[in-house]
Amino acid sequence: MNLICRECYKNKECEYSCTAVQELHKIFNKQNKKDKTTRIRNLRRQLSIREAEPSRKLKNLANKINK
């Protein structure tokens, strides 16, 4: 049981965490992902790392090697 549920006046009635707590977790996870993405983007700029994707030919070659 988490802190919010322990403090809730209905905690003895619940078997699972309520929808509100589940939504709070979803919001936190989305925000946390955005924060991490922003930090990574800033570090890339500071370290002069270029963002790049491998070409389709290179991906196909890697897939053939991995098979």
N, C-alpha and C. Protein backbone atom coordinates (compact mmCIF):
# COMPACT_ATOMS: atom_id res chain seq x y z
N MET A 1 0.85 -1.18 0.00
CA MET A 1 0.00 0.00 0.00
C MET A 1 0.90 1.24 0.00
N ASN A 2 0.58 2.20 -0.85
CA ASN A 2 1.40 3.40 -0.94
C ASN A 2 0.95 4.45 0.08
N LEU A 3 1.71 5.52 0.17
CA LEU A 3 1.46 6.57 1.16
C LEU A 3 0.10 7.22 0.97
N ILE A 4 -0.27 7.49 -0.27
CA ILE A 4 -1.56 8.13 -0.54
C ILE A 4 -2.70 7.24 -0.05
N CYS A 5 -2.63 5.96 -0.36
CA CYS A 5 -3.68 5.03 0.07
C CYS A 5 -3.72 4.89 1.59
N ARG A 6 -2.57 4.89 2.23
CA ARG A 6 -2.54 4.78 3.70
C ARG A 6 -3.21 5.97 4.36
N GLU A 7 -3.05 7.15 3.76
CA GLU A 7 -3.62 8.37 4.32
C GLU A 7 -5.11 8.53 3.98
N CYS A 8 -5.60 7.78 3.01
CA CYS A 8 -6.98 7.92 2.55
C CYS A 8 -7.96 7.39 3.60
N TYR A 9 -9.06 8.09 3.77
CA TYR A 9 -10.05 7.67 4.76
C TYR A 9 -10.80 6.42 4.34
N LYS A 10 -10.73 6.03 3.08
CA LYS A 10 -11.43 4.85 2.59
C LYS A 10 -10.50 3.64 2.45
N ASN A 11 -9.31 3.71 2.97
CA ASN A 11 -8.32 2.66 2.70
C ASN A 11 -8.73 1.27 3.19
N LYS A 12 -9.59 1.17 4.17
CA LYS A 12 -10.00 -0.15 4.65
C LYS A 12 -11.01 -0.81 3.70
N GLU A 13 -11.65 0.00 2.84
CA GLU A 13 -12.62 -0.52 1.89
C GLU A 13 -11.96 -1.02 0.60
N CYS A 14 -10.75 -0.62 0.34
CA CYS A 14 -10.11 -0.90 -0.95
C CYS A 14 -9.31 -2.19 -0.93
N GLU A 15 -9.41 -2.93 -2.01
CA GLU A 15 -8.55 -4.08 -2.21
C GLU A 15 -7.37 -3.71 -3.10
N TYR A 16 -7.61 -2.79 -4.02
CA TYR A 16 -6.59 -2.36 -4.98
C TYR A 16 -6.49 -0.84 -4.91
N SER A 17 -5.42 -0.30 -5.50
CA SER A 17 -5.31 1.16 -5.53
C SER A 17 -6.40 1.72 -6.44
N CYS A 18 -6.91 2.86 -6.08
CA CYS A 18 -8.05 3.44 -6.80
C CYS A 18 -7.62 4.03 -8.14
N THR A 19 -8.59 4.38 -8.93
CA THR A 19 -8.34 4.94 -10.25
C THR A 19 -7.55 6.23 -10.16
N ALA A 20 -7.81 7.03 -9.15
CA ALA A 20 -7.09 8.30 -9.00
C ALA A 20 -5.60 8.06 -8.82
N VAL A 21 -5.24 7.10 -8.01
CA VAL A 21 -3.82 6.78 -7.80
C VAL A 21 -3.21 6.23 -9.08
N GLN A 22 -3.93 5.40 -9.79
CA GLN A 22 -3.43 4.86 -11.05
C GLN A 22 -3.19 5.98 -12.06
N GLU A 23 -4.10 6.95 -12.13
CA GLU A 23 -3.93 8.08 -13.04
C GLU A 23 -2.74 8.94 -12.64
N LEU A 24 -2.55 9.12 -11.33
CA LEU A 24 -1.37 9.87 -10.87
C LEU A 24 -0.09 9.18 -11.31
N HIS A 25 -0.05 7.86 -11.24
CA HIS A 25 1.13 7.11 -11.70
C HIS A 25 1.35 7.33 -13.19
N LYS A 26 0.28 7.30 -13.98
CA LYS A 26 0.40 7.51 -15.43
C LYS A 26 0.96 8.90 -15.73
N ILE A 27 0.42 9.91 -15.04
CA ILE A 27 0.88 11.29 -15.24
C ILE A 27 2.35 11.41 -14.86
N PHE A 28 2.73 10.83 -13.72
CA PHE A 28 4.13 10.87 -13.29
C PHE A 28 5.03 10.22 -14.31
N ASN A 29 4.64 9.05 -14.81
CA ASN A 29 5.48 8.34 -15.77
C ASN A 29 5.64 9.12 -17.06
N LYS A 30 4.57 9.75 -17.54
CA LYS A 30 4.66 10.57 -18.75
C LYS A 30 5.61 11.75 -18.52
N GLN A 31 5.45 12.43 -17.38
CA GLN A 31 6.29 13.58 -17.09
C GLN A 31 7.74 13.15 -16.91
N ASN A 32 7.96 12.03 -16.24
CA ASN A 32 9.30 11.53 -16.02
C ASN A 32 9.98 11.22 -17.36
N LYS A 33 9.22 10.63 -18.28
CA LYS A 33 9.77 10.32 -19.60
C LYS A 33 10.14 11.60 -20.35
N LYS A 34 9.28 12.63 -20.26
CA LYS A 34 9.58 13.90 -20.91
C LYS A 34 10.84 14.52 -20.32
N ASP A 35 10.96 14.48 -18.98
CA ASP A 35 12.14 15.04 -18.32
C ASP A 35 13.41 14.32 -18.75
N LYS A 36 13.36 12.99 -18.82
CA LYS A 36 14.52 12.22 -19.24
C LYS A 36 14.90 12.55 -20.68
N THR A 37 13.89 12.66 -21.54
CA THR A 37 14.15 12.98 -22.94
C THR A 37 14.80 14.35 -23.06
N THR A 38 14.31 15.31 -22.30
CA THR A 38 14.88 16.66 -22.32
C THR A 38 16.32 16.64 -21.82
N ARG A 39 16.58 15.93 -20.73
CA ARG A 39 17.95 15.84 -20.20
C ARG A 39 18.90 15.22 -21.20
N ILE A 40 18.45 14.14 -21.85
CA ILE A 40 19.29 13.47 -22.85
C ILE A 40 19.57 14.41 -24.01
N ARG A 41 18.55 15.11 -24.48
CA ARG A 41 18.73 16.05 -25.60
C ARG A 41 19.74 17.13 -25.23
N ASN A 42 19.64 17.67 -24.01
CA ASN A 42 20.58 18.70 -23.57
C ASN A 42 21.99 18.15 -23.45
N LEU A 43 22.14 16.94 -22.93
CA LEU A 43 23.47 16.34 -22.84
C LEU A 43 24.07 16.10 -24.21
N ARG A 44 23.25 15.68 -25.16
CA ARG A 44 23.75 15.48 -26.53
C ARG A 44 24.32 16.78 -27.08
N ARG A 45 23.60 17.87 -26.86
CA ARG A 45 24.09 19.18 -27.34
C ARG A 45 25.40 19.55 -26.67
N GLN A 46 25.45 19.38 -25.35
CA GLN A 46 26.65 19.74 -24.60
C GLN A 46 27.85 18.90 -25.01
N LEU A 47 27.61 17.64 -25.34
CA LEU A 47 28.71 16.74 -25.71
C LEU A 47 28.94 16.68 -27.21
N SER A 48 28.19 17.48 -27.96
CA SER A 48 28.30 17.53 -29.43
C SER A 48 28.08 16.17 -30.07
N ILE A 49 27.08 15.46 -29.59
CA ILE A 49 26.73 14.15 -30.16
C ILE A 49 25.59 14.37 -31.15
N ARG A 50 25.82 13.93 -32.38
CA ARG A 50 24.77 14.10 -33.40
C ARG A 50 23.76 12.97 -33.28
N GLU A 51 22.51 13.33 -33.47
CA GLU A 51 21.44 12.34 -33.45
C GLU A 51 21.29 11.80 -34.86
N ALA A 52 21.39 10.48 -35.02
CA ALA A 52 21.33 9.90 -36.36
C ALA A 52 20.68 8.53 -36.31
N GLU A 53 20.05 8.16 -37.40
CA GLU A 53 19.45 6.84 -37.57
C GLU A 53 20.25 6.08 -38.61
N PRO A 54 20.42 4.77 -38.44
CA PRO A 54 21.10 4.00 -39.48
C PRO A 54 20.25 3.94 -40.75
N SER A 55 20.91 3.84 -41.87
CA SER A 55 20.18 3.78 -43.14
C SER A 55 19.41 2.47 -43.24
N ARG A 56 18.47 2.42 -44.17
CA ARG A 56 17.66 1.22 -44.38
C ARG A 56 18.56 0.05 -44.79
N LYS A 57 19.55 0.33 -45.64
CA LYS A 57 20.46 -0.73 -46.09
C LYS A 57 21.24 -1.32 -44.91
N LEU A 58 21.69 -0.44 -44.02
CA LEU A 58 22.44 -0.90 -42.85
C LEU A 58 21.55 -1.71 -41.91
N LYS A 59 20.29 -1.29 -41.74
CA LYS A 59 19.34 -2.06 -40.91
C LYS A 59 19.10 -3.44 -41.51
N ASN A 60 18.92 -3.49 -42.85
CA ASN A 60 18.70 -4.78 -43.52
C ASN A 60 19.91 -5.69 -43.35
N LEU A 61 21.10 -5.13 -43.48
CA LEU A 61 22.32 -5.92 -43.30
C LEU A 61 22.40 -6.46 -41.88
N ALA A 62 22.08 -5.63 -40.90
CA ALA A 62 22.10 -6.07 -39.50
C ALA A 62 21.09 -7.19 -39.27
N ASN A 63 19.91 -7.07 -39.87
CA ASN A 63 18.89 -8.12 -39.73
C ASN A 63 19.36 -9.43 -40.34
N LYS A 64 20.04 -9.35 -41.49
CA LYS A 64 20.56 -10.57 -42.14
C LYS A 64 21.63 -11.22 -41.28
N ILE A 65 22.47 -10.41 -40.68
CA ILE A 65 23.55 -10.94 -39.83
C ILE A 65 22.96 -11.60 -38.59
N ASN A 66 21.93 -11.00 -38.02
CA ASN A 66 21.34 -11.51 -36.79
C ASN A 66 20.52 -12.78 -36.99
N LYS A 67 20.15 -13.10 -38.23
CA LYS A 67 19.34 -14.30 -38.48
C LYS A 67 20.16 -15.53 -38.46
